[in-house]
Amino acid sequence: GVAMNIHCWYRSVEHNVRAYTQSGYSEKDARKKTRLGCHLYGNAIDFHVTGLMDEAVRQKLLKGIEEGKFKVRIEANTVGWVHIDCGNPFISGGYNWGLFYI
């Protein structure tokens, strides 16, 4: 019953590289990470929920995963937004649903 404000859904390669380099990665490492980025395929969103702290949103999502309601990965320790994704379709193997750390 509250607003979910999406900051980012799809990202171009150029935008993703720029975001990583602004976060302190070298251009080479930023390009490597970008190849694996779920935003490139529209499989990730960064958002915040009006009136809820980021950690409260993550805990609600974790509860939904535990109850089998959905499968998402949740980036831990973001500030000002929550990142969720359903994986990169070009990486073989399974994903560990729940929290992940960068």
Protein backbone atom coordinates (compact mmCIF):
# COMPACT_ATOMS: atom_id res chain seq x y z
CA GLY A 1 0.00 0.00 0.00
CA VAL A 2 2.98 2.39 -0.40
CA ALA A 3 4.94 3.68 -3.37
CA MET A 4 7.85 1.74 -4.80
CA ASN A 5 10.14 4.23 -6.49
CA ILE A 6 12.33 2.68 -9.19
CA HIS A 7 15.72 4.35 -9.65
CA CYS A 8 17.10 2.04 -12.31
CA TRP A 9 15.89 -0.92 -14.34
CA TYR A 10 17.61 -1.30 -17.70
CA ARG A 11 21.13 0.10 -18.15
CA SER A 12 23.16 0.41 -21.32
CA VAL A 13 26.74 -0.89 -21.34
CA GLU A 14 28.05 2.69 -21.33
CA HIS A 15 25.93 3.68 -18.33
CA ASN A 16 26.88 0.56 -16.39
CA VAL A 17 30.62 1.09 -17.01
CA ARG A 18 30.28 4.73 -15.93
CA ALA A 19 28.42 3.73 -12.75
CA TYR A 20 31.15 1.22 -11.80
CA THR A 21 34.02 3.61 -12.54
CA GLN A 22 32.33 6.31 -10.45
CA SER A 23 32.18 3.76 -7.64
CA GLY A 24 35.97 3.37 -7.78
CA TYR A 25 36.50 0.45 -10.18
CA SER A 26 39.13 0.71 -12.90
CA GLU A 27 37.72 0.88 -16.41
CA LYS A 28 38.97 -2.67 -17.10
CA ASP A 29 37.25 -4.05 -13.99
CA ALA A 30 34.12 -1.99 -14.70
CA ARG A 31 33.85 -3.52 -18.17
CA LYS A 32 34.35 -7.01 -16.74
CA LYS A 33 31.63 -6.49 -14.12
CA THR A 34 29.34 -4.93 -16.73
CA ARG A 35 29.36 -8.13 -18.81
CA LEU A 36 27.78 -9.90 -15.85
CA GLY A 37 25.36 -7.10 -14.96
CA CYS A 38 21.71 -8.05 -14.67
CA HIS A 39 20.61 -4.48 -15.45
CA LEU A 40 21.86 -4.97 -19.03
CA TYR A 41 19.15 -7.56 -19.61
CA GLY A 42 16.34 -5.83 -17.69
CA ASN A 43 16.62 -8.48 -14.97
CA ALA A 44 17.37 -6.09 -12.07
CA ILE A 45 15.92 -3.04 -10.40
CA ASP A 46 17.23 -0.54 -7.88
CA PHE A 47 14.43 1.07 -5.87
CA HIS A 48 13.29 2.44 -2.53
CA VAL A 49 9.95 2.11 -0.80
CA THR A 50 8.35 5.25 0.59
CA GLY A 51 8.34 5.20 4.38
CA LEU A 52 10.51 2.08 4.80
CA MET A 53 14.21 1.86 5.58
CA ASP A 54 16.29 -0.15 3.10
CA GLU A 55 17.02 -2.89 5.63
CA ALA A 56 13.30 -3.32 6.40
CA VAL A 57 12.62 -3.83 2.68
CA ARG A 58 15.44 -6.41 2.45
CA GLN A 59 14.01 -8.29 5.44
CA LYS A 60 10.53 -8.38 3.88
CA LEU A 61 12.04 -9.69 0.64
CA LEU A 62 14.04 -12.36 2.51
CA LYS A 63 10.87 -13.50 4.26
CA GLY A 64 9.14 -13.84 0.87
CA ILE A 65 12.05 -15.94 -0.43
CA GLU A 66 11.95 -18.17 2.65
CA GLU A 67 8.20 -18.65 2.19
CA GLY A 68 8.75 -19.62 -1.46
CA LYS A 69 6.79 -16.67 -2.85
CA PHE A 70 9.54 -15.63 -5.27
CA LYS A 71 13.20 -16.04 -6.15
CA VAL A 72 15.42 -12.97 -6.22
CA ARG A 73 18.92 -11.99 -5.24
CA ILE A 74 19.17 -8.97 -2.95
CA GLU A 75 22.31 -6.85 -2.76
CA ALA A 76 23.30 -6.38 0.88
CA ASN A 77 24.23 -3.09 2.51
CA THR A 78 23.10 -0.62 -0.15
CA VAL A 79 22.23 2.82 1.18
CA GLY A 80 19.37 4.82 -0.30
CA TRP A 81 18.07 1.99 -2.46
CA VAL A 82 17.53 -1.77 -2.64
CA HIS A 83 18.85 -3.85 -5.55
CA ILE A 84 17.07 -7.05 -6.56
CA ASP A 85 17.67 -9.23 -9.58
CA CYS A 86 16.64 -12.58 -10.99
CA GLY A 87 20.03 -13.40 -12.46
CA ASN A 88 21.92 -13.05 -15.70
CA PRO A 89 20.42 -15.29 -18.40
CA PHE A 90 23.85 -15.90 -19.92
CA ILE A 91 25.54 -17.34 -16.85
CA SER A 92 25.19 -21.07 -16.50
CA GLY A 93 24.53 -22.65 -13.15
CA GLY A 94 22.16 -21.77 -10.39
CA TYR A 95 21.91 -18.69 -8.30
CA ASN A 96 21.83 -18.48 -4.54
CA TRP A 97 18.62 -16.59 -3.88
CA GLY A 98 18.74 -14.16 -0.99
CA LEU A 99 21.44 -11.70 0.07
CA PHE A 100 24.66 -11.27 -1.84
CA TYR A 101 27.63 -9.04 -1.15
CA ILE A 102 29.67 -7.09 -3.68
